[in-house]
Structure formats: structure tokens, C-alpha cells
């Protein structure tokens, strides 16, 4: 009885597994039909159900990665390919998986990873011309990218040197600006000094004008004083001349008077002498 019960249990398990297997295959077949009609989203949905039915289904996982790749879901495709590639046996399927992985990396512009995937595919299937062509194409893109990066590096180097030169020029300009600023400050001081000089000059001119006016007044006063002195002197000279003229007339009068007096005196003297001297008798001797 125990042996018969064990046989019945094993048979029941096989029936269940067979049922799961048939369900998985049904999902995969339906997914393949959708894939053939380019309905990649519906196909991926069927492959996902097949994987849920049998998580170890390599075929369902591989087909799901292919459907993601066909929809340009490159990140999801790369993840799926990387997860199942180690589970595949060496052969055409694994080589094709590496080929598809390289394409997904290429579309994602991860050139180094794409090149490595194509090389792995060619190690398994060296006669795959499409993989060889994709490898050459990926390598040419990488070379162009590197050349461009080198050019950019050179440009960056040149730009860096130019920036250094510009930095030095800016420093020089900054120093010149500082010098000019100092000169402007000096010029401002000089301008203020010049303005002060102009003010002093104006004050000096005003002082000169005032001094000149004072001197003019002084000269005028001096001229007035001189004129007054000249008038006074002329008056004095006139008075002297008048005095001299009066004195001369008086002198003439006095002289005349003296002469008259002298004449009178002489006459008196002569008369007096004539009275005193006796007359002698003059004898005529003829």
C-alpha cells in the first residue's frame, strides 16, 4: 500500500509539472507569434508570464531581452542579456546573445562595452560576418571619439594657455588700471592744486588790483600833495617875487633919497668950506 501511494504521488507531481510546462510553452508560443508580427510589447508580456510560470526558463528570459531590444529599451535589454548569458551553453545562442548585447551597448553609445561584446561573440562564432562588421564599425566610432577628445584636449590645452595669457594680460591690465587710478588720483590732486593755484592767482590778482588801486590812490594822493606843494611853492615864490619887487622899489626910493641926501650934504660941505677959506688976491702977471 505504501509503495502504491508513493507511485500515485509521483505521478500526480509529474502531471502538475507537465501542466506547468505546457502553460509555459503556451505563453512562449503566443509571445513568438506577437514578436513575428512586430508586436514586441505584447510579446514581452507573454514572455514575462512564461518566466513567472517557470523562473528558470532560459528561453523565456532570452526572448524577453530580445523584445526589449526590439523596442529600443536598451537598458532593460542589457540587464536581461547580462543576467542570462552565463547560463547559456557555448554555441550559436550564446554567440547571438553576445551579438545582441553588443548592439544594445552600441545604441547606448557605450562603445568599449559594445566592442568587448562583439569580440566575445566572434570568439564563439568567428565566421559571423555581421558581428565582425559591427565590431569594425564600433571601433571606428571609438577612434573618432578619441580623436575628437584629443582635439578637444588640445583645444582645451590651447584655451587653457590662452586663459593663462589672458589672466596675465588681465593682471597687467589690472596693474595698469591701478597705475592709471593712482595717476588719476595724482591728476585730481594736481587739479585741486591748480584750482587752489587759480584761486591764489585770482587772490593775487585781486590783491594786485587792490594794491594797484591803493598805489593809484596813493599816487593820486601823492600827486595831489605834490600839486598842493607845487601850488604852495608857486605861491611862496610869487610872494617872494612880490617881496623882491617891493624891496627893489623901496631900494630905488632909498637910493634916490640917499643920492638926494648925499647931494644936499655935499652942497652943505662945499658951502661950509667956502666960508672958512679966505680968498687970496690974485695978481695978474701979464
C-alpha atoms as a PDB file:
ATOM      1  CA  UNK A   1       0.000   0.000   0.000  1.00  0.00           C
ATOM      2  CA  UNK A   2       2.797   2.430   0.863  1.00  0.00           C
ATOM      3  CA  UNK A   3       4.579   1.738  -2.388  1.00  0.00           C
ATOM      4  CA  UNK A   4       1.385   2.200  -4.371  1.00  0.00           C
ATOM      5  CA  UNK A   5       0.729   5.521  -2.572  1.00  0.00           C
ATOM      6  CA  UNK A   6       4.272   6.795  -3.430  1.00  0.00           C
ATOM      7  CA  UNK A   7       3.799   5.862  -7.092  1.00  0.00           C
ATOM      8  CA  UNK A   8       0.478   7.711  -7.163  1.00  0.00           C
ATOM      9  CA  UNK A   9       2.103  10.857  -5.572  1.00  0.00           C
ATOM     10  CA  UNK A  10       4.974  10.916  -8.098  1.00  0.00           C
ATOM     11  CA  UNK A  11       2.515  10.534 -10.966  1.00  0.00           C
ATOM     12  CA  UNK A  12       0.461  13.430  -9.617  1.00  0.00           C
ATOM     13  CA  UNK A  13       3.589  15.640  -9.399  1.00  0.00           C
ATOM     14  CA  UNK A  14       4.556  14.791 -12.975  1.00  0.00           C
ATOM     15  CA  UNK A  15       1.086  15.722 -14.132  1.00  0.00           C
ATOM     16  CA  UNK A  16       1.389  19.074 -12.333  1.00  0.00           C
ATOM     17  CA  UNK A  17       4.881  19.733 -13.798  1.00  0.00           C
ATOM     18  CA  UNK A  18       3.658  18.736 -17.225  1.00  0.00           C
ATOM     19  CA  UNK A  19       0.771  21.161 -16.790  1.00  0.00           C
ATOM     20  CA  UNK A  20       3.171  23.981 -15.831  1.00  0.00           C
ATOM     21  CA  UNK A  21       5.397  23.092 -18.752  1.00  0.00           C
ATOM     22  CA  UNK A  22       2.555  23.223 -21.173  1.00  0.00           C
ATOM     23  CA  UNK A  23       1.447  26.618 -19.779  1.00  0.00           C
ATOM     24  CA  UNK A  24       4.993  27.985 -20.121  1.00  0.00           C
ATOM     25  CA  UNK A  25       5.221  26.726 -23.702  1.00  0.00           C
ATOM     26  CA  UNK A  26       1.846  28.219 -24.460  1.00  0.00           C
ATOM     27  CA  UNK A  27       2.987  31.664 -23.272  1.00  0.00           C
ATOM     28  CA  UNK A  28       6.230  31.382 -25.216  1.00  0.00           C
ATOM     29  CA  UNK A  29       4.468  30.325 -28.429  1.00  0.00           C
ATOM     30  CA  UNK A  30       1.987  33.175 -28.092  1.00  0.00           C
ATOM     31  CA  UNK A  31       4.875  35.593 -27.439  1.00  0.00           C
ATOM     32  CA  UNK A  32       6.737  34.348 -30.505  1.00  0.00           C
ATOM     33  CA  UNK A  33       3.628  34.979 -32.617  1.00  0.00           C
ATOM     34  CA  UNK A  34       3.384  38.544 -31.361  1.00  0.00           C
ATOM     35  CA  UNK A  35       7.114  39.035 -31.957  1.00  0.00           C
ATOM     36  CA  UNK A  36       6.769  37.829 -35.554  1.00  0.00           C
ATOM     37  CA  UNK A  37       4.006  40.406 -36.079  1.00  0.00           C
ATOM     38  CA  UNK A  38       6.364  43.126 -34.632  1.00  0.00           C
ATOM     39  CA  UNK A  39       4.073  43.470 -31.625  1.00  0.00           C
ATOM     40  CA  UNK A  40       7.061  43.487 -29.289  1.00  0.00           C
ATOM     41  CA  UNK A  41       5.245  44.852 -26.245  1.00  0.00           C
ATOM     42  CA  UNK A  42       2.623  42.059 -26.300  1.00  0.00           C
ATOM     43  CA  UNK A  43       5.348  39.506 -26.949  1.00  0.00           C
ATOM     44  CA  UNK A  44       7.335  40.691 -23.924  1.00  0.00           C
ATOM     45  CA  UNK A  45       4.174  40.439 -21.797  1.00  0.00           C
ATOM     46  CA  UNK A  46       3.806  36.756 -22.777  1.00  0.00           C
ATOM     47  CA  UNK A  47       7.477  36.065 -22.093  1.00  0.00           C
ATOM     48  CA  UNK A  48       7.127  37.664 -18.653  1.00  0.00           C
ATOM     49  CA  UNK A  49       4.165  35.329 -17.877  1.00  0.00           C
ATOM     50  CA  UNK A  50       6.200  32.360 -19.030  1.00  0.00           C
ATOM     51  CA  UNK A  51       9.045  33.423 -16.706  1.00  0.00           C
ATOM     52  CA  UNK A  52       6.598  33.759 -13.831  1.00  0.00           C
ATOM     53  CA  UNK A  53       5.350  30.253 -14.568  1.00  0.00           C
ATOM     54  CA  UNK A  54       8.922  28.939 -14.757  1.00  0.00           C
ATOM     55  CA  UNK A  55      11.554  31.325 -13.316  1.00  0.00           C
ATOM     56  CA  UNK A  56      14.298  29.075 -14.669  1.00  0.00           C
ATOM     57  CA  UNK A  57      13.078  29.305 -18.257  1.00  0.00           C
ATOM     58  CA  UNK A  58      16.153  30.495 -20.168  1.00  0.00           C
ATOM     59  CA  UNK A  59      14.153  30.672 -23.378  1.00  0.00           C
ATOM     60  CA  UNK A  60      11.517  32.993 -21.852  1.00  0.00           C
ATOM     61  CA  UNK A  61      14.223  35.298 -20.369  1.00  0.00           C
ATOM     62  CA  UNK A  62      16.229  35.400 -23.616  1.00  0.00           C
ATOM     63  CA  UNK A  63      13.121  36.150 -25.721  1.00  0.00           C
ATOM     64  CA  UNK A  64      12.076  38.850 -23.235  1.00  0.00           C
ATOM     65  CA  UNK A  65      15.510  40.515 -23.613  1.00  0.00           C
ATOM     66  CA  UNK A  66      15.136  40.384 -27.409  1.00  0.00           C
ATOM     67  CA  UNK A  67      11.681  42.022 -27.227  1.00  0.00           C
ATOM     68  CA  UNK A  68      13.084  44.838 -25.063  1.00  0.00           C
ATOM     69  CA  UNK A  69      15.954  45.295 -27.521  1.00  0.00           C
ATOM     70  CA  UNK A  70      13.449  45.482 -30.411  1.00  0.00           C
ATOM     71  CA  UNK A  71      11.582  48.259 -28.554  1.00  0.00           C
ATOM     72  CA  UNK A  72      14.880  50.177 -28.036  1.00  0.00           C
ATOM     73  CA  UNK A  73      14.627  49.545 -24.302  1.00  0.00           C
ATOM     74  CA  UNK A  74      18.398  49.175 -24.300  1.00  0.00           C
ATOM     75  CA  UNK A  75      18.990  49.418 -20.542  1.00  0.00           C
ATOM     76  CA  UNK A  76      16.433  46.666 -19.816  1.00  0.00           C
ATOM     77  CA  UNK A  77      17.784  44.535 -22.671  1.00  0.00           C
ATOM     78  CA  UNK A  78      21.385  44.908 -21.405  1.00  0.00           C
ATOM     79  CA  UNK A  79      20.289  43.852 -17.899  1.00  0.00           C
ATOM     80  CA  UNK A  80      18.447  40.783 -19.191  1.00  0.00           C
ATOM     81  CA  UNK A  81      21.287  39.711 -21.507  1.00  0.00           C
ATOM     82  CA  UNK A  82      23.873  40.096 -18.752  1.00  0.00           C
ATOM     83  CA  UNK A  83      21.715  38.020 -16.369  1.00  0.00           C
ATOM     84  CA  UNK A  84      21.230  35.028 -18.692  1.00  0.00           C
ATOM     85  CA  UNK A  85      24.413  34.965 -20.745  1.00  0.00           C
ATOM     86  CA  UNK A  86      26.349  32.983 -18.154  1.00  0.00           C
ATOM     87  CA  UNK A  87      23.535  30.388 -18.066  1.00  0.00           C
ATOM     88  CA  UNK A  88      23.748  29.637 -21.785  1.00  0.00           C
ATOM     89  CA  UNK A  89      25.799  26.800 -23.223  1.00  0.00           C
ATOM     90  CA  UNK A  90      28.591  27.601 -25.647  1.00  0.00           C
ATOM     91  CA  UNK A  91      27.024  27.720 -29.073  1.00  0.00           C
ATOM     92  CA  UNK A  92      25.071  29.780 -31.554  1.00  0.00           C
ATOM     93  CA  UNK A  93      22.563  31.017 -28.984  1.00  0.00           C
ATOM     94  CA  UNK A  94      25.288  32.361 -26.686  1.00  0.00           C
ATOM     95  CA  UNK A  95      27.119  33.967 -29.621  1.00  0.00           C
ATOM     96  CA  UNK A  96      23.852  35.604 -30.727  1.00  0.00           C
ATOM     97  CA  UNK A  97      23.250  36.772 -27.176  1.00  0.00           C
ATOM     98  CA  UNK A  98      26.691  38.480 -27.127  1.00  0.00           C
ATOM     99  CA  UNK A  99      25.940  39.959 -30.566  1.00  0.00           C
ATOM    100  CA  UNK A 100      22.623  41.425 -29.353  1.00  0.00           C
ATOM    101  CA  UNK A 101      24.282  42.655 -26.147  1.00  0.00           C
ATOM    102  CA  UNK A 102      26.900  44.462 -28.265  1.00  0.00           C
ATOM    103  CA  UNK A 103      24.134  46.113 -30.298  1.00  0.00           C
ATOM    104  CA  UNK A 104      22.359  47.270 -27.141  1.00  0.00           C
ATOM    105  CA  UNK A 105      25.613  48.785 -25.835  1.00  0.00           C
ATOM    106  CA  UNK A 106      26.245  50.389 -29.247  1.00  0.00           C
ATOM    107  CA  UNK A 107      22.808  52.041 -29.232  1.00  0.00           C
ATOM    108  CA  UNK A 108      23.544  53.282 -25.711  1.00  0.00           C
ATOM    109  CA  UNK A 109      26.840  54.789 -27.038  1.00  0.00           C
ATOM    110  CA  UNK A 110      28.873  52.567 -24.720  1.00  0.00           C
ATOM    111  CA  UNK A 111      31.450  51.770 -27.379  1.00  0.00           C
ATOM    112  CA  UNK A 112      34.063  49.955 -25.284  1.00  0.00           C
ATOM    113  CA  UNK A 113      31.428  47.577 -23.842  1.00  0.00           C
ATOM    114  CA  UNK A 114      29.978  47.021 -27.332  1.00  0.00           C
ATOM    115  CA  UNK A 115      33.426  46.160 -28.746  1.00  0.00           C
ATOM    116  CA  UNK A 116      34.064  43.682 -25.954  1.00  0.00           C
ATOM    117  CA  UNK A 117      30.651  42.010 -26.524  1.00  0.00           C
ATOM    118  CA  UNK A 118      31.314  41.657 -30.279  1.00  0.00           C
ATOM    119  CA  UNK A 119      34.715  40.132 -29.570  1.00  0.00           C
ATOM    120  CA  UNK A 120      33.122  37.577 -27.219  1.00  0.00           C
ATOM    121  CA  UNK A 121      30.596  36.685 -29.935  1.00  0.00           C
ATOM    122  CA  UNK A 122      33.397  36.211 -32.502  1.00  0.00           C
ATOM    123  CA  UNK A 123      35.340  34.001 -30.113  1.00  0.00           C
ATOM    124  CA  UNK A 124      32.374  31.610 -30.194  1.00  0.00           C
ATOM    125  CA  UNK A 125      31.487  32.124 -33.871  1.00  0.00           C
ATOM    126  CA  UNK A 126      34.432  33.669 -35.791  1.00  0.00           C
ATOM    127  CA  UNK A 127      32.611  33.321 -39.130  1.00  0.00           C
ATOM    128  CA  UNK A 128      29.783  35.694 -38.182  1.00  0.00           C
ATOM    129  CA  UNK A 129      30.250  38.475 -40.755  1.00  0.00           C
ATOM    130  CA  UNK A 130      27.586  40.733 -39.265  1.00  0.00           C
ATOM    131  CA  UNK A 131      29.256  40.663 -35.854  1.00  0.00           C
ATOM    132  CA  UNK A 132      32.651  41.344 -37.475  1.00  0.00           C
ATOM    133  CA  UNK A 133      31.198  44.331 -39.366  1.00  0.00           C
ATOM    134  CA  UNK A 134      29.573  45.698 -36.186  1.00  0.00           C
ATOM    135  CA  UNK A 135      32.897  45.297 -34.374  1.00  0.00           C
ATOM    136  CA  UNK A 136      34.748  47.301 -37.054  1.00  0.00           C
ATOM    137  CA  UNK A 137      32.047  49.955 -37.000  1.00  0.00           C
ATOM    138  CA  UNK A 138      32.143  50.263 -33.215  1.00  0.00           C
ATOM    139  CA  UNK A 139      35.966  50.509 -33.277  1.00  0.00           C
ATOM    140  CA  UNK A 140      35.839  53.274 -35.934  1.00  0.00           C
ATOM    141  CA  UNK A 141      33.333  55.218 -33.829  1.00  0.00           C
ATOM    142  CA  UNK A 142      35.568  54.823 -30.791  1.00  0.00           C
ATOM    143  CA  UNK A 143      38.595  56.059 -32.739  1.00  0.00           C
ATOM    144  CA  UNK A 144      36.707  59.108 -33.991  1.00  0.00           C
ATOM    145  CA  UNK A 145      35.514  59.792 -30.474  1.00  0.00           C
ATOM    146  CA  UNK A 146      39.047  59.509 -29.116  1.00  0.00           C
ATOM    147  CA  UNK A 147      40.414  61.759 -31.860  1.00  0.00           C
ATOM    148  CA  UNK A 148      37.724  64.290 -31.108  1.00  0.00           C
ATOM    149  CA  UNK A 149      38.513  64.059 -27.420  1.00  0.00           C
ATOM    150  CA  UNK A 150      42.202  64.551 -28.234  1.00  0.00           C
ATOM    151  CA  UNK A 151      41.318  67.553 -30.364  1.00  0.00           C
ATOM    152  CA  UNK A 152      39.156  68.856 -27.580  1.00  0.00           C
ATOM    153  CA  UNK A 153      42.005  68.233 -25.171  1.00  0.00           C
ATOM    154  CA  UNK A 154      44.336  70.145 -27.471  1.00  0.00           C
ATOM    155  CA  UNK A 155      41.760  72.875 -27.791  1.00  0.00           C
ATOM    156  CA  UNK A 156      41.307  72.824 -24.060  1.00  0.00           C
ATOM    157  CA  UNK A 157      45.067  72.976 -23.652  1.00  0.00           C
ATOM    158  CA  UNK A 158      45.232  75.896 -26.076  1.00  0.00           C
ATOM    159  CA  UNK A 159      42.299  77.505 -24.348  1.00  0.00           C
ATOM    160  CA  UNK A 160      43.983  76.913 -21.028  1.00  0.00           C
ATOM    161  CA  UNK A 161      47.156  78.569 -22.321  1.00  0.00           C
ATOM    162  CA  UNK A 162      45.079  81.384 -23.774  1.00  0.00           C
ATOM    163  CA  UNK A 163      43.284  81.695 -20.483  1.00  0.00           C
ATOM    164  CA  UNK A 164      46.635  81.851 -18.726  1.00  0.00           C
ATOM    165  CA  UNK A 165      47.787  84.502 -21.186  1.00  0.00           C
ATOM    166  CA  UNK A 166      44.534  86.359 -20.738  1.00  0.00           C
ATOM    167  CA  UNK A 167      44.923  86.008 -17.000  1.00  0.00           C
ATOM    168  CA  UNK A 168      48.406  87.516 -17.216  1.00  0.00           C
ATOM    169  CA  UNK A 169      47.099  90.251 -19.503  1.00  0.00           C
ATOM    170  CA  UNK A 170      44.275  90.867 -17.084  1.00  0.00           C
ATOM    171  CA  UNK A 171      46.797  91.093 -14.269  1.00  0.00           C
ATOM    172  CA  UNK A 172      48.858  93.526 -16.344  1.00  0.00           C
ATOM    173  CA  UNK A 173      45.741  95.495 -17.204  1.00  0.00           C
ATOM    174  CA  UNK A 174      44.774  95.444 -13.560  1.00  0.00           C
ATOM    175  CA  UNK A 175      48.193  96.826 -12.625  1.00  0.00           C
ATOM    176  CA  UNK A 176      47.901  99.424 -15.394  1.00  0.00           C
ATOM    177  CA  UNK A 177      44.457 100.320 -14.171  1.00  0.00           C
ATOM    178  CA  UNK A 178      45.843 100.675 -10.669  1.00  0.00           C
ATOM    179  CA  UNK A 179      48.635 102.886 -12.033  1.00  0.00           C
ATOM    180  CA  UNK A 180      46.137 104.900 -14.053  1.00  0.00           C
ATOM    181  CA  UNK A 181      43.959 105.148 -10.999  1.00  0.00           C
ATOM    182  CA  UNK A 182      46.907 106.467  -8.999  1.00  0.00           C
ATOM    183  CA  UNK A 183      47.737 108.838 -11.843  1.00  0.00           C
ATOM    184  CA  UNK A 184      44.135 109.956 -11.934  1.00  0.00           C
ATOM    185  CA  UNK A 185      44.278 110.484  -8.201  1.00  0.00           C
ATOM    186  CA  UNK A 186      47.509 112.457  -8.680  1.00  0.00           C
ATOM    187  CA  UNK A 187      45.870 114.321 -11.542  1.00  0.00           C
ATOM    188  CA  UNK A 188      42.918 115.027  -9.297  1.00  0.00           C
ATOM    189  CA  UNK A 189      45.277 116.319  -6.611  1.00  0.00           C
ATOM    190  CA  UNK A 190      47.094 118.385  -9.233  1.00  0.00           C
ATOM    191  CA  UNK A 191      43.774 119.653 -10.490  1.00  0.00           C
ATOM    192  CA  UNK A 192      42.840 120.640  -6.966  1.00  0.00           C
ATOM    193  CA  UNK A 193      46.265 122.234  -6.560  1.00  0.00           C
ATOM    194  CA  UNK A 194      45.800 124.007  -9.868  1.00  0.00           C
ATOM    195  CA  UNK A 195      42.384 125.139  -8.737  1.00  0.00           C
ATOM    196  CA  UNK A 196      43.947 126.308  -5.485  1.00  0.00           C
ATOM    197  CA  UNK A 197      46.648 127.949  -7.597  1.00  0.00           C
ATOM    198  CA  UNK A 198      43.982 129.586  -9.715  1.00  0.00           C
ATOM    199  CA  UNK A 199      42.284 130.792  -6.546  1.00  0.00           C
ATOM    200  CA  UNK A 200      45.605 132.065  -5.224  1.00  0.00           C
ATOM    201  CA  UNK A 201      46.318 133.627  -8.583  1.00  0.00           C
ATOM    202  CA  UNK A 202      42.930 135.258  -8.537  1.00  0.00           C
ATOM    203  CA  UNK A 203      43.542 136.374  -4.988  1.00  0.00           C
ATOM    204  CA  UNK A 204      46.962 137.679  -6.028  1.00  0.00           C
ATOM    205  CA  UNK A 205      45.400 139.435  -8.970  1.00  0.00           C
ATOM    206  CA  UNK A 206      42.726 140.826  -6.692  1.00  0.00           C
ATOM    207  CA  UNK A 207      45.491 141.770  -4.282  1.00  0.00           C
ATOM    208  CA  UNK A 208      47.444 143.330  -7.120  1.00  0.00           C
ATOM    209  CA  UNK A 209      44.366 145.167  -8.273  1.00  0.00           C
ATOM    210  CA  UNK A 210      43.743 146.269  -4.724  1.00  0.00           C
ATOM    211  CA  UNK A 211      47.427 147.156  -4.324  1.00  0.00           C
ATOM    212  CA  UNK A 212      47.391 148.865  -7.680  1.00  0.00           C
ATOM    213  CA  UNK A 213      44.260 150.688  -6.653  1.00  0.00           C
ATOM    214  CA  UNK A 214      45.891 151.592  -3.349  1.00  0.00           C
ATOM    215  CA  UNK A 215      49.037 152.670  -5.169  1.00  0.00           C
ATOM    216  CA  UNK A 216      46.890 154.583  -7.627  1.00  0.00           C
ATOM    217  CA  UNK A 217      45.126 156.246  -4.748  1.00  0.00           C
ATOM    218  CA  UNK A 218      48.455 156.755  -3.065  1.00  0.00           C
ATOM    219  CA  UNK A 219      49.976 158.133  -6.266  1.00  0.00           C
ATOM    220  CA  UNK A 220      46.912 160.263  -6.758  1.00  0.00           C
ATOM    221  CA  UNK A 221      47.206 161.460  -3.194  1.00  0.00           C
ATOM    222  CA  UNK A 222      50.927 161.978  -3.751  1.00  0.00           C
ATOM    223  CA  UNK A 223      50.180 163.845  -6.977  1.00  0.00           C
ATOM    224  CA  UNK A 224      47.628 165.905  -5.109  1.00  0.00           C
ATOM    225  CA  UNK A 225      50.161 166.534  -2.376  1.00  0.00           C
ATOM    226  CA  UNK A 226      52.800 167.391  -4.937  1.00  0.00           C
ATOM    227  CA  UNK A 227      50.352 169.608  -6.756  1.00  0.00           C
ATOM    228  CA  UNK A 228      49.410 171.215  -3.461  1.00  0.00           C
ATOM    229  CA  UNK A 229      53.088 171.598  -2.584  1.00  0.00           C
ATOM    230  CA  UNK A 230      53.767 172.953  -6.073  1.00  0.00           C
ATOM    231  CA  UNK A 231      50.954 175.420  -5.688  1.00  0.00           C
ATOM    232  CA  UNK A 232      52.200 176.365  -2.234  1.00  0.00           C
ATOM    233  CA  UNK A 233      55.719 176.726  -3.592  1.00  0.00           C
ATOM    234  CA  UNK A 234      54.482 178.779  -6.513  1.00  0.00           C
ATOM    235  CA  UNK A 235      52.551 180.925  -4.071  1.00  0.00           C
ATOM    236  CA  UNK A 236      55.639 181.297  -1.920  1.00  0.00           C
ATOM    237  CA  UNK A 237      57.756 182.084  -4.975  1.00  0.00           C
ATOM    238  CA  UNK A 238      55.168 184.584  -6.074  1.00  0.00           C
ATOM    239  CA  UNK A 239      55.165 186.087  -2.616  1.00  0.00           C
ATOM    240  CA  UNK A 240      58.977 186.154  -2.693  1.00  0.00           C
ATOM    241  CA  UNK A 241      58.937 187.732  -6.107  1.00  0.00           C
ATOM    242  CA  UNK A 242      56.410 190.264  -4.898  1.00  0.00           C
ATOM    243  CA  UNK A 243      58.574 190.739  -1.867  1.00  0.00           C
ATOM    244  CA  UNK A 244      61.628 191.162  -4.058  1.00  0.00           C
ATOM    245  CA  UNK A 245      59.791 193.586  -6.331  1.00  0.00           C
ATOM    246  CA  UNK A 246      58.693 195.728  -3.403  1.00  0.00           C
ATOM    247  CA  UNK A 247      62.150 195.712  -1.945  1.00  0.00           C
ATOM    248  CA  UNK A 248      63.666 196.873  -5.214  1.00  0.00           C
ATOM    249  CA  UNK A 249      61.279 199.786  -5.499  1.00  0.00           C
ATOM    250  CA  UNK A 250      61.947 200.660  -1.957  1.00  0.00           C
ATOM    251  CA  UNK A 251      65.661 200.351  -2.634  1.00  0.00           C
ATOM    252  CA  UNK A 252      65.375 202.703  -5.568  1.00  0.00           C
ATOM    253  CA  UNK A 253      63.461 205.117  -3.474  1.00  0.00           C
ATOM    254  CA  UNK A 254      66.021 204.763  -0.748  1.00  0.00           C
ATOM    255  CA  UNK A 255      68.803 205.130  -3.267  1.00  0.00           C
ATOM    256  CA  UNK A 256      67.239 208.214  -4.702  1.00  0.00           C
ATOM    257  CA  UNK A 257      66.696 209.520  -1.273  1.00  0.00           C
ATOM    258  CA  UNK A 258      70.302 208.703  -0.390  1.00  0.00           C
ATOM    259  CA  UNK A 259      71.558 210.388  -3.522  1.00  0.00           C
ATOM    260  CA  UNK A 260      69.458 213.425  -2.779  1.00  0.00           C
ATOM    261  CA  UNK A 261      70.638 213.444   0.784  1.00  0.00           C
ATOM    262  CA  UNK A 262      74.203 212.927  -0.358  1.00  0.00           C
ATOM    263  CA  UNK A 263      73.898 215.787  -2.814  1.00  0.00           C
ATOM    264  CA  UNK A 264      72.492 218.023  -0.139  1.00  0.00           C
ATOM    265  CA  UNK A 265      75.236 217.027   2.222  1.00  0.00           C
ATOM    266  CA  UNK A 266      77.896 217.726  -0.377  1.00  0.00           C
ATOM    267  CA  UNK A 267      76.412 221.093  -1.042  1.00  0.00           C
ATOM    268  CA  UNK A 268      76.425 221.908   2.627  1.00  0.00           C
ATOM    269  CA  UNK A 269      80.001 220.734   2.938  1.00  0.00           C
ATOM    270  CA  UNK A 270      81.097 222.839  -0.022  1.00  0.00           C
ATOM    271  CA  UNK A 271      79.313 225.870   1.332  1.00  0.00           C
ATOM    272  CA  UNK A 272      80.875 225.337   4.656  1.00  0.00           C
ATOM    273  CA  UNK A 273      84.372 225.151   3.208  1.00  0.00           C
ATOM    274  CA  UNK A 274      83.836 228.182   1.120  1.00  0.00           C
ATOM    275  CA  UNK A 275      83.069 230.205   4.190  1.00  0.00           C
ATOM    276  CA  UNK A 276      86.196 229.095   6.012  1.00  0.00           C
ATOM    277  CA  UNK A 277      88.875 229.584   3.290  1.00  0.00           C
ATOM    278  CA  UNK A 278      89.953 233.234   2.745  1.00  0.00           C
ATOM    279  CA  UNK A 279      90.192 234.461  -0.679  1.00  0.00           C
ATOM    280  CA  UNK A 280      93.592 235.411  -1.927  1.00  0.00           C
ATOM    281  CA  UNK A 281      94.283 238.256  -4.176  1.00  0.00           C
ATOM    282  CA  UNK A 282      95.417 237.097  -7.421  1.00  0.00           C
ATOM    283  CA  UNK A 283      97.901 239.170  -9.097  1.00  0.00           C
ATOM    284  CA  UNK A 284      97.823 239.385 -12.673  1.00  0.00           C
ATOM    285  CA  UNK A 285     101.071 238.856 -14.285  1.00  0.00           C
ATOM    286  CA  UNK A 286     100.675 239.986 -17.653  1.00  0.00           C
END
